């Protein structure tokens, strides 16, 4: 849970300041050696909406989190609950949350939520 809070704080501050790492075409807002699933709480309902094109990034991989560890490596797309880079026609997002998309654009999409406590 502490990891999710750390990632969320980093994400919010980096998006608000408009900074990015290394000038890559995708803005890398988070880098970590931890597994990608530590970024937040997985939300199965949002994952189903993502898989059916009803909760997705507007521009896939515009903002990304890169996980480079030996376990759980991956690149997740990022969107904000405020609407930044988020397609949410059903209005499921909360402004206080950040959304991390694993395999957005596929039927295997998973959505991890930063800013939400684990139950």
C-alpha atoms as a PDB file:
ATOM      1  CA  UNK A   1       0.000   0.000   0.000  1.00  0.00           C
ATOM      2  CA  UNK A   2       2.888   2.378   0.749  1.00  0.00           C
ATOM      3  CA  UNK A   3       4.210   1.731  -2.773  1.00  0.00           C
ATOM      4  CA  UNK A   4       0.907   2.833  -4.329  1.00  0.00           C
ATOM      5  CA  UNK A   5       0.960   6.059  -2.337  1.00  0.00           C
ATOM      6  CA  UNK A   6       4.545   6.766  -3.429  1.00  0.00           C
ATOM      7  CA  UNK A   7       3.728   6.197  -7.106  1.00  0.00           C
ATOM      8  CA  UNK A   8       0.588   8.337  -6.878  1.00  0.00           C
ATOM      9  CA  UNK A   9       2.418  11.240  -5.250  1.00  0.00           C
ATOM     10  CA  UNK A  10       5.124  11.074  -7.914  1.00  0.00           C
ATOM     11  CA  UNK A  11       2.525  10.929 -10.682  1.00  0.00           C
ATOM     12  CA  UNK A  12       0.515  13.881  -9.420  1.00  0.00           C
ATOM     13  CA  UNK A  13       3.549  16.085  -8.927  1.00  0.00           C
ATOM     14  CA  UNK A  14       5.076  15.206 -12.293  1.00  0.00           C
ATOM     15  CA  UNK A  15       1.893  15.745 -14.270  1.00  0.00           C
ATOM     16  CA  UNK A  16       1.164  19.027 -12.539  1.00  0.00           C
ATOM     17  CA  UNK A  17       4.666  20.340 -13.159  1.00  0.00           C
ATOM     18  CA  UNK A  18       4.734  19.025 -16.727  1.00  0.00           C
ATOM     19  CA  UNK A  19       8.129  17.373 -16.384  1.00  0.00           C
ATOM     20  CA  UNK A  20       9.160  14.155 -18.072  1.00  0.00           C
ATOM     21  CA  UNK A  21      12.107  11.806 -17.980  1.00  0.00           C
ATOM     22  CA  UNK A  22      14.776  11.655 -20.690  1.00  0.00           C
ATOM     23  CA  UNK A  23      12.761  13.368 -23.452  1.00  0.00           C
ATOM     24  CA  UNK A  24      11.274  10.066 -24.640  1.00  0.00           C
ATOM     25  CA  UNK A  25       8.290  10.189 -26.996  1.00  0.00           C
ATOM     26  CA  UNK A  26       6.077   8.822 -24.229  1.00  0.00           C
ATOM     27  CA  UNK A  27       6.361  10.808 -21.030  1.00  0.00           C
ATOM     28  CA  UNK A  28       7.745   8.464 -18.411  1.00  0.00           C
ATOM     29  CA  UNK A  29       6.308   9.678 -15.134  1.00  0.00           C
ATOM     30  CA  UNK A  30       7.212   6.709 -12.948  1.00  0.00           C
ATOM     31  CA  UNK A  31      10.220   4.369 -13.008  1.00  0.00           C
ATOM     32  CA  UNK A  32      10.543   1.485 -10.608  1.00  0.00           C
ATOM     33  CA  UNK A  33      12.240  -1.837 -10.012  1.00  0.00           C
ATOM     34  CA  UNK A  34       9.097  -3.068  -8.227  1.00  0.00           C
ATOM     35  CA  UNK A  35       6.466  -5.250  -9.940  1.00  0.00           C
ATOM     36  CA  UNK A  36       3.933  -3.235 -11.952  1.00  0.00           C
ATOM     37  CA  UNK A  37       1.034  -4.477  -9.817  1.00  0.00           C
ATOM     38  CA  UNK A  38       2.434  -2.527  -6.842  1.00  0.00           C
ATOM     39  CA  UNK A  39       1.322   0.703  -8.518  1.00  0.00           C
ATOM     40  CA  UNK A  40      -2.195   0.523  -7.074  1.00  0.00           C
ATOM     41  CA  UNK A  41      -5.310  -1.503  -6.433  1.00  0.00           C
ATOM     42  CA  UNK A  42      -6.523  -3.606  -9.381  1.00  0.00           C
ATOM     43  CA  UNK A  43     -10.160  -2.789 -10.194  1.00  0.00           C
ATOM     44  CA  UNK A  44     -11.828  -5.700 -12.048  1.00  0.00           C
ATOM     45  CA  UNK A  45     -14.878  -3.618 -13.013  1.00  0.00           C
ATOM     46  CA  UNK A  46     -12.742  -0.916 -14.636  1.00  0.00           C
ATOM     47  CA  UNK A  47     -10.686  -3.661 -16.285  1.00  0.00           C
ATOM     48  CA  UNK A  48     -13.836  -5.069 -17.936  1.00  0.00           C
ATOM     49  CA  UNK A  49     -14.815  -1.578 -19.099  1.00  0.00           C
ATOM     50  CA  UNK A  50     -11.316  -1.084 -20.471  1.00  0.00           C
ATOM     51  CA  UNK A  51     -11.455  -4.387 -22.350  1.00  0.00           C
ATOM     52  CA  UNK A  52     -14.705  -3.295 -24.021  1.00  0.00           C
ATOM     53  CA  UNK A  53     -13.481   0.209 -24.905  1.00  0.00           C
ATOM     54  CA  UNK A  54     -15.530   2.046 -22.245  1.00  0.00           C
ATOM     55  CA  UNK A  55     -12.737   3.199 -19.907  1.00  0.00           C
ATOM     56  CA  UNK A  56      -9.411   3.836 -21.619  1.00  0.00           C
ATOM     57  CA  UNK A  57      -6.573   6.222 -22.241  1.00  0.00           C
ATOM     58  CA  UNK A  58      -7.413   8.834 -24.865  1.00  0.00           C
ATOM     59  CA  UNK A  59      -3.908   8.552 -26.298  1.00  0.00           C
ATOM     60  CA  UNK A  60      -2.367   5.205 -25.442  1.00  0.00           C
ATOM     61  CA  UNK A  61       0.987   5.534 -23.690  1.00  0.00           C
ATOM     62  CA  UNK A  62       0.997   9.334 -23.718  1.00  0.00           C
ATOM     63  CA  UNK A  63       2.095   9.075 -20.086  1.00  0.00           C
ATOM     64  CA  UNK A  64       3.673   5.849 -18.837  1.00  0.00           C
ATOM     65  CA  UNK A  65       4.999   4.096 -15.769  1.00  0.00           C
ATOM     66  CA  UNK A  66       7.973   1.812 -16.477  1.00  0.00           C
ATOM     67  CA  UNK A  67       8.656  -1.170 -14.244  1.00  0.00           C
ATOM     68  CA  UNK A  68      12.087  -2.629 -14.936  1.00  0.00           C
ATOM     69  CA  UNK A  69      12.483  -5.198 -12.181  1.00  0.00           C
ATOM     70  CA  UNK A  70      13.253  -8.861 -12.724  1.00  0.00           C
ATOM     71  CA  UNK A  71       9.756  -9.672 -11.457  1.00  0.00           C
ATOM     72  CA  UNK A  72       6.677  -7.924 -12.845  1.00  0.00           C
ATOM     73  CA  UNK A  73       8.327  -5.802 -15.518  1.00  0.00           C
ATOM     74  CA  UNK A  74       6.054  -3.825 -17.817  1.00  0.00           C
ATOM     75  CA  UNK A  75       4.898  -0.488 -19.129  1.00  0.00           C
ATOM     76  CA  UNK A  76       1.561   0.907 -17.966  1.00  0.00           C
ATOM     77  CA  UNK A  77      -0.285   3.810 -19.544  1.00  0.00           C
ATOM     78  CA  UNK A  78      -1.503   6.539 -17.205  1.00  0.00           C
ATOM     79  CA  UNK A  79      -4.609   8.710 -17.015  1.00  0.00           C
ATOM     80  CA  UNK A  80      -5.953  11.011 -14.313  1.00  0.00           C
ATOM     81  CA  UNK A  81      -9.370  10.929 -12.695  1.00  0.00           C
ATOM     82  CA  UNK A  82      -9.643  14.628 -13.521  1.00  0.00           C
ATOM     83  CA  UNK A  83      -9.960  13.608 -17.166  1.00  0.00           C
ATOM     84  CA  UNK A  84      -6.373  14.092 -18.327  1.00  0.00           C
ATOM     85  CA  UNK A  85      -5.839  11.435 -21.020  1.00  0.00           C
ATOM     86  CA  UNK A  86      -8.955   9.532 -19.859  1.00  0.00           C
ATOM     87  CA  UNK A  87     -11.877   8.329 -21.975  1.00  0.00           C
ATOM     88  CA  UNK A  88     -14.689   7.686 -19.485  1.00  0.00           C
ATOM     89  CA  UNK A  89     -18.137   7.989 -21.086  1.00  0.00           C
ATOM     90  CA  UNK A  90     -19.774   6.219 -18.113  1.00  0.00           C
ATOM     91  CA  UNK A  91     -18.234   8.685 -15.645  1.00  0.00           C
ATOM     92  CA  UNK A  92     -16.699   6.019 -13.412  1.00  0.00           C
ATOM     93  CA  UNK A  93     -13.525   7.964 -12.583  1.00  0.00           C
ATOM     94  CA  UNK A  94     -12.937   9.811  -9.337  1.00  0.00           C
ATOM     95  CA  UNK A  95     -10.938  13.036  -9.460  1.00  0.00           C
ATOM     96  CA  UNK A  96      -8.786  11.892  -6.538  1.00  0.00           C
ATOM     97  CA  UNK A  97      -7.585   8.757  -8.359  1.00  0.00           C
ATOM     98  CA  UNK A  98      -4.947   7.977 -10.972  1.00  0.00           C
ATOM     99  CA  UNK A  99      -5.477   5.129 -13.443  1.00  0.00           C
ATOM    100  CA  UNK A 100      -2.744   2.812 -14.696  1.00  0.00           C
ATOM    101  CA  UNK A 101      -3.567   0.689 -17.739  1.00  0.00           C
ATOM    102  CA  UNK A 102      -1.918  -2.660 -18.396  1.00  0.00           C
ATOM    103  CA  UNK A 103      -2.484  -3.833 -21.987  1.00  0.00           C
ATOM    104  CA  UNK A 104      -4.972  -1.055 -22.817  1.00  0.00           C
ATOM    105  CA  UNK A 105      -6.642  -1.666 -26.160  1.00  0.00           C
ATOM    106  CA  UNK A 106      -6.830  -5.426 -25.631  1.00  0.00           C
ATOM    107  CA  UNK A 107      -9.330  -7.846 -24.156  1.00  0.00           C
ATOM    108  CA  UNK A 108      -6.748  -8.513 -21.403  1.00  0.00           C
ATOM    109  CA  UNK A 109      -6.746  -4.925 -20.144  1.00  0.00           C
ATOM    110  CA  UNK A 110      -6.261  -4.466 -16.402  1.00  0.00           C
ATOM    111  CA  UNK A 111      -6.709  -1.168 -14.569  1.00  0.00           C
ATOM    112  CA  UNK A 112      -4.787  -0.369 -11.389  1.00  0.00           C
ATOM    113  CA  UNK A 113      -5.956   2.572  -9.293  1.00  0.00           C
ATOM    114  CA  UNK A 114      -3.562   4.865  -7.458  1.00  0.00           C
ATOM    115  CA  UNK A 115      -5.039   6.893  -4.648  1.00  0.00           C
ATOM    116  CA  UNK A 116      -7.347   4.115  -3.478  1.00  0.00           C
ATOM    117  CA  UNK A 117      -6.744   2.093  -0.329  1.00  0.00           C
ATOM    118  CA  UNK A 118      -6.685  -1.697  -0.432  1.00  0.00           C
ATOM    119  CA  UNK A 119      -9.594  -3.442   1.280  1.00  0.00           C
END
